[in-house]
Amino acid sequence: MTSNLTPKDLILSPDDLSPEVVDQILGPYGFQDVRSVNQRLNNLADIPPYREAFAEIVNHLLSASVDSPDADAALNNFERFVNATFDRLWLYRLLHDAPFLLRILSTCFGSSTYFSDILVRNPEYFYELMDAGMMSDPKDRETMYGELSQAVQPFDLAEQKLNAIRGYKRKESLRLGLRDLLGDADLETTTQELTNLAEAALQVCYEIGTAELTPKMGTPWGEL
């Protein structure tokens, strides 16, 4: 009976199901374009062993997507993220073992194009989201300054150091944005962390500029 079929059955079906059956399975989720959703799901489960692994998370994925502010955007950006990751099978298995990560991803992908683009372009930032301490604990200025100093330390050229600062700021912006979206930080905490980030970045930029210009122009008057 088709009334008992689930999205998992849709993924694992050896035959293409009729549009009517697809509508019965996906329609209750409330997506704007069921046919487009079905195509995205097939893209995400295109070949074995991806298909079997994806089938284990598809029900949770759809539920998390519809719980986000924009279900269609959440699923679309999830597909973009999967295509950008290094190991799709590992990701599916991880999301099966830690379904709370699906909620984090769906909240991000269904709430903000800006944060979604950061994560799609930098899928390695996903590892930060897996660290409960990184997501739950606010950072003070000294912590951010220490992390920024460590981020620029491996590089010799000023432009390389500045690129490292830009990368750190993108990663922290994503972390702060998700903490806010998930309700893990209030407005006051988020504002303070943004201030800490700006001040720490400014201090490290000043140190880079001083190290770059002092050999050419001498010690700044304020430091004599």
Protein backbone atom coordinates (compact mmCIF):
# COMPACT_ATOMS: atom_id res chain seq x y z
CA MET A 1 0.00 0.00 0.00
CA THR A 2 1.43 3.36 -1.06
CA SER A 3 -0.03 5.09 2.00
CA ASN A 4 2.58 3.34 4.15
CA LEU A 5 5.56 4.29 2.02
CA THR A 6 8.17 6.67 3.44
CA PRO A 7 10.93 8.77 1.86
CA LYS A 8 13.32 5.94 2.73
CA ASP A 9 11.24 3.63 0.55
CA LEU A 10 11.37 6.23 -2.21
CA ILE A 11 15.17 6.20 -2.15
CA LEU A 12 15.52 2.42 -2.00
CA SER A 13 12.85 1.57 -4.56
CA PRO A 14 14.43 -0.43 -7.42
CA ASP A 15 11.96 1.14 -9.85
CA ASP A 16 10.92 4.70 -10.56
CA LEU A 17 7.73 5.42 -8.67
CA SER A 18 4.86 7.18 -10.39
CA PRO A 19 4.44 10.94 -9.88
CA GLU A 20 1.27 10.23 -7.95
CA VAL A 21 3.10 7.99 -5.48
CA VAL A 22 5.92 10.51 -5.14
CA ASP A 23 3.34 13.18 -4.33
CA GLN A 24 1.80 10.94 -1.69
CA ILE A 25 5.18 10.37 -0.04
CA LEU A 26 6.61 13.90 -0.20
CA GLY A 27 3.45 16.01 -0.32
CA PRO A 28 2.79 15.98 3.45
CA TYR A 29 6.13 17.71 4.07
CA GLY A 30 4.84 20.90 2.48
CA PHE A 31 7.58 21.63 -0.05
CA GLN A 32 6.66 24.06 -2.81
CA ASP A 33 7.83 21.82 -5.66
CA VAL A 34 7.62 18.10 -4.88
CA ARG A 35 9.07 17.08 -8.25
CA SER A 36 12.13 19.26 -7.67
CA VAL A 37 12.55 17.81 -4.18
CA ASN A 38 12.37 14.29 -5.58
CA GLN A 39 15.07 15.15 -8.11
CA ARG A 40 17.32 16.55 -5.38
CA LEU A 41 16.87 13.43 -3.29
CA ASN A 42 17.80 11.27 -6.26
CA ASN A 43 20.88 13.42 -6.85
CA LEU A 44 21.92 12.96 -3.23
CA ALA A 45 21.51 9.18 -3.52
CA ASP A 46 22.70 8.73 -7.07
CA ILE A 47 24.88 5.61 -6.76
CA PRO A 48 25.60 2.79 -4.28
CA PRO A 49 26.77 2.88 -1.57
CA TYR A 50 25.56 6.48 -1.26
CA ARG A 51 21.98 5.36 -1.84
CA GLU A 52 21.88 2.99 1.12
CA ALA A 53 23.60 5.45 3.46
CA PHE A 54 21.41 8.36 2.36
CA ALA A 55 18.26 6.28 2.81
CA GLU A 56 19.11 6.03 6.51
CA ILE A 57 19.01 9.82 6.98
CA VAL A 58 16.46 11.02 4.42
CA ASN A 59 13.49 10.98 6.83
CA HIS A 60 15.41 13.05 9.39
CA LEU A 61 16.71 15.37 6.66
CA LEU A 62 13.23 16.18 5.38
CA SER A 63 11.87 16.68 8.89
CA ALA A 64 14.75 18.99 9.79
CA SER A 65 14.31 20.90 6.54
CA VAL A 66 10.61 21.58 7.10
CA ASP A 67 11.38 22.72 10.65
CA SER A 68 13.70 25.41 9.25
CA PRO A 69 12.44 28.84 8.09
CA ASP A 70 12.67 27.83 4.41
CA ALA A 71 12.43 24.10 3.72
CA ASP A 72 13.17 24.34 0.00
CA ALA A 73 16.25 26.49 0.56
CA ALA A 74 17.42 24.13 3.32
CA LEU A 75 17.29 21.11 1.02
CA ASN A 76 18.81 22.97 -1.93
CA ASN A 77 21.74 24.23 0.14
CA PHE A 78 22.19 20.79 1.71
CA GLU A 79 22.67 19.38 -1.78
CA ARG A 80 25.22 22.11 -2.56
CA PHE A 81 27.08 21.33 0.65
CA VAL A 82 27.13 17.58 -0.02
CA ASN A 83 28.56 18.21 -3.49
CA ALA A 84 31.32 20.31 -1.91
CA THR A 85 32.33 17.81 0.78
CA PHE A 86 35.35 15.56 0.53
CA ASP A 87 33.69 12.28 1.52
CA ARG A 88 29.94 11.98 0.97
CA LEU A 89 29.68 8.49 2.44
CA TRP A 90 31.45 9.55 5.63
CA LEU A 91 29.12 12.55 5.91
CA TYR A 92 25.96 10.47 5.55
CA ARG A 93 27.14 7.99 8.15
CA LEU A 94 28.08 10.78 10.53
CA LEU A 95 24.67 12.44 10.16
CA HIS A 96 23.03 9.09 10.83
CA ASP A 97 25.02 8.65 14.04
CA ALA A 98 24.63 12.29 15.12
CA PRO A 99 21.24 13.50 13.80
CA PHE A 100 21.48 16.73 15.80
CA LEU A 101 23.97 17.88 13.17
CA LEU A 102 21.18 17.69 10.59
CA ARG A 103 19.26 20.23 12.65
CA ILE A 104 22.26 22.55 12.73
CA LEU A 105 22.82 22.24 8.99
CA SER A 106 19.14 22.64 8.11
CA THR A 107 18.81 25.68 10.35
CA CYS A 108 21.80 27.25 8.64
CA PHE A 109 20.74 26.32 5.12
CA GLY A 110 17.12 27.35 5.60
CA SER A 111 17.84 30.64 7.37
CA SER A 112 20.71 32.44 5.68
CA THR A 113 22.12 32.47 2.17
CA TYR A 114 25.22 34.22 3.54
CA PHE A 115 26.01 31.53 6.12
CA SER A 116 25.08 28.78 3.66
CA ASP A 117 27.55 30.14 1.11
CA ILE A 118 30.31 30.26 3.74
CA LEU A 119 29.78 26.61 4.62
CA VAL A 120 29.46 25.46 1.00
CA ARG A 121 32.66 27.28 0.02
CA ASN A 122 34.47 26.11 3.15
CA PRO A 123 33.08 22.65 3.99
CA GLU A 124 35.99 22.07 6.37
CA TYR A 125 34.27 24.51 8.76
CA PHE A 126 31.76 21.73 9.39
CA TYR A 127 34.28 20.14 11.73
CA GLU A 128 33.90 23.18 13.99
CA LEU A 129 30.15 22.59 14.21
CA MET A 130 30.81 19.07 15.48
CA ASP A 131 32.61 20.45 18.54
CA ALA A 132 29.95 21.01 21.19
CA GLY A 133 32.27 23.26 23.19
CA MET A 134 33.02 25.47 20.20
CA MET A 135 29.31 25.99 19.56
CA SER A 136 28.09 26.38 23.13
CA ASP A 137 30.80 28.49 24.78
CA PRO A 138 31.32 32.20 24.03
CA LYS A 139 34.84 33.45 23.34
CA ASP A 140 36.44 36.45 24.99
CA ARG A 141 38.81 38.86 23.26
CA GLU A 142 41.93 37.15 24.57
CA THR A 143 40.83 33.77 23.21
CA MET A 144 40.13 35.20 19.77
CA TYR A 145 43.40 37.11 19.77
CA GLY A 146 45.28 33.92 20.62
CA GLU A 147 43.52 31.96 17.88
CA LEU A 148 44.16 34.70 15.33
CA SER A 149 47.82 34.93 16.29
CA GLN A 150 48.13 31.19 15.84
CA ALA A 151 46.32 31.35 12.48
CA VAL A 152 48.78 33.88 11.00
CA GLN A 153 51.91 32.40 12.59
CA PRO A 154 52.76 29.90 9.79
CA PHE A 155 52.92 32.61 7.13
CA ASP A 156 55.73 34.99 6.20
CA LEU A 157 54.07 37.39 3.76
CA ALA A 158 51.70 40.07 5.03
CA GLU A 159 49.07 39.21 2.40
CA GLN A 160 49.12 35.57 3.47
CA LYS A 161 48.60 36.63 7.07
CA LEU A 162 45.71 38.89 6.07
CA ASN A 163 44.11 36.02 4.15
CA ALA A 164 44.36 33.90 7.29
CA ILE A 165 42.60 36.66 9.23
CA ARG A 166 39.83 36.81 6.63
CA GLY A 167 39.37 33.05 6.88
CA TYR A 168 39.19 33.19 10.66
CA LYS A 169 36.62 35.99 10.52
CA ARG A 170 34.46 33.99 8.09
CA LYS A 171 34.59 30.94 10.34
CA GLU A 172 33.78 32.95 13.44
CA SER A 173 30.95 34.78 11.67
CA LEU A 174 29.44 31.40 10.83
CA ARG A 175 29.83 30.16 14.40
CA LEU A 176 28.31 33.32 15.87
CA GLY A 177 25.47 33.34 13.36
CA LEU A 178 24.56 29.73 14.06
CA ARG A 179 24.70 30.23 17.82
CA ASP A 180 22.21 33.04 17.35
CA LEU A 181 19.96 31.09 14.95
CA LEU A 182 19.93 28.03 17.22
CA GLY A 183 19.10 30.11 20.28
CA ASP A 184 22.39 29.27 21.99
CA ALA A 185 23.34 32.93 22.49
CA ASP A 186 21.30 36.03 23.30
CA LEU A 187 21.72 39.38 21.57
CA GLU A 188 24.01 40.79 24.25
CA THR A 189 26.38 37.81 24.05
CA THR A 190 26.44 37.84 20.25
CA THR A 191 27.13 41.58 20.17
CA GLN A 192 29.96 41.22 22.67
CA GLU A 193 31.54 38.39 20.70
CA LEU A 194 31.35 40.43 17.49
CA THR A 195 33.10 43.27 19.33
CA ASN A 196 35.75 40.85 20.61
CA LEU A 197 36.29 39.56 17.08
CA ALA A 198 36.67 43.05 15.62
CA GLU A 199 39.10 44.17 18.33
CA ALA A 200 41.21 41.02 18.14
CA ALA A 201 41.41 41.22 14.34
CA LEU A 202 42.33 44.90 14.50
CA GLN A 203 45.12 44.19 16.99
CA VAL A 204 46.63 41.42 14.86
CA CYS A 205 46.35 43.58 11.73
CA TYR A 206 48.16 46.38 13.58
CA GLU A 207 50.94 44.00 14.56
CA ILE A 208 51.28 42.79 10.96
CA GLY A 209 51.41 46.36 9.67
CA THR A 210 53.97 47.37 12.29
CA ALA A 211 56.22 44.40 11.48
CA GLU A 212 55.94 45.17 7.77
CA LEU A 213 56.60 48.92 7.93
CA THR A 214 59.04 49.34 10.82
CA PRO A 215 62.09 48.09 8.85
CA LYS A 216 61.24 50.56 6.08
CA MET A 217 60.04 53.59 8.03
CA GLY A 218 61.31 53.16 11.57
CA THR A 219 59.51 52.73 14.88
CA PRO A 220 56.14 54.55 15.14
CA TRP A 221 56.27 57.69 17.32
CA GLY A 222 53.85 56.27 19.83
CA GLU A 223 56.17 53.34 20.52
CA LEU A 224 59.43 55.25 20.95
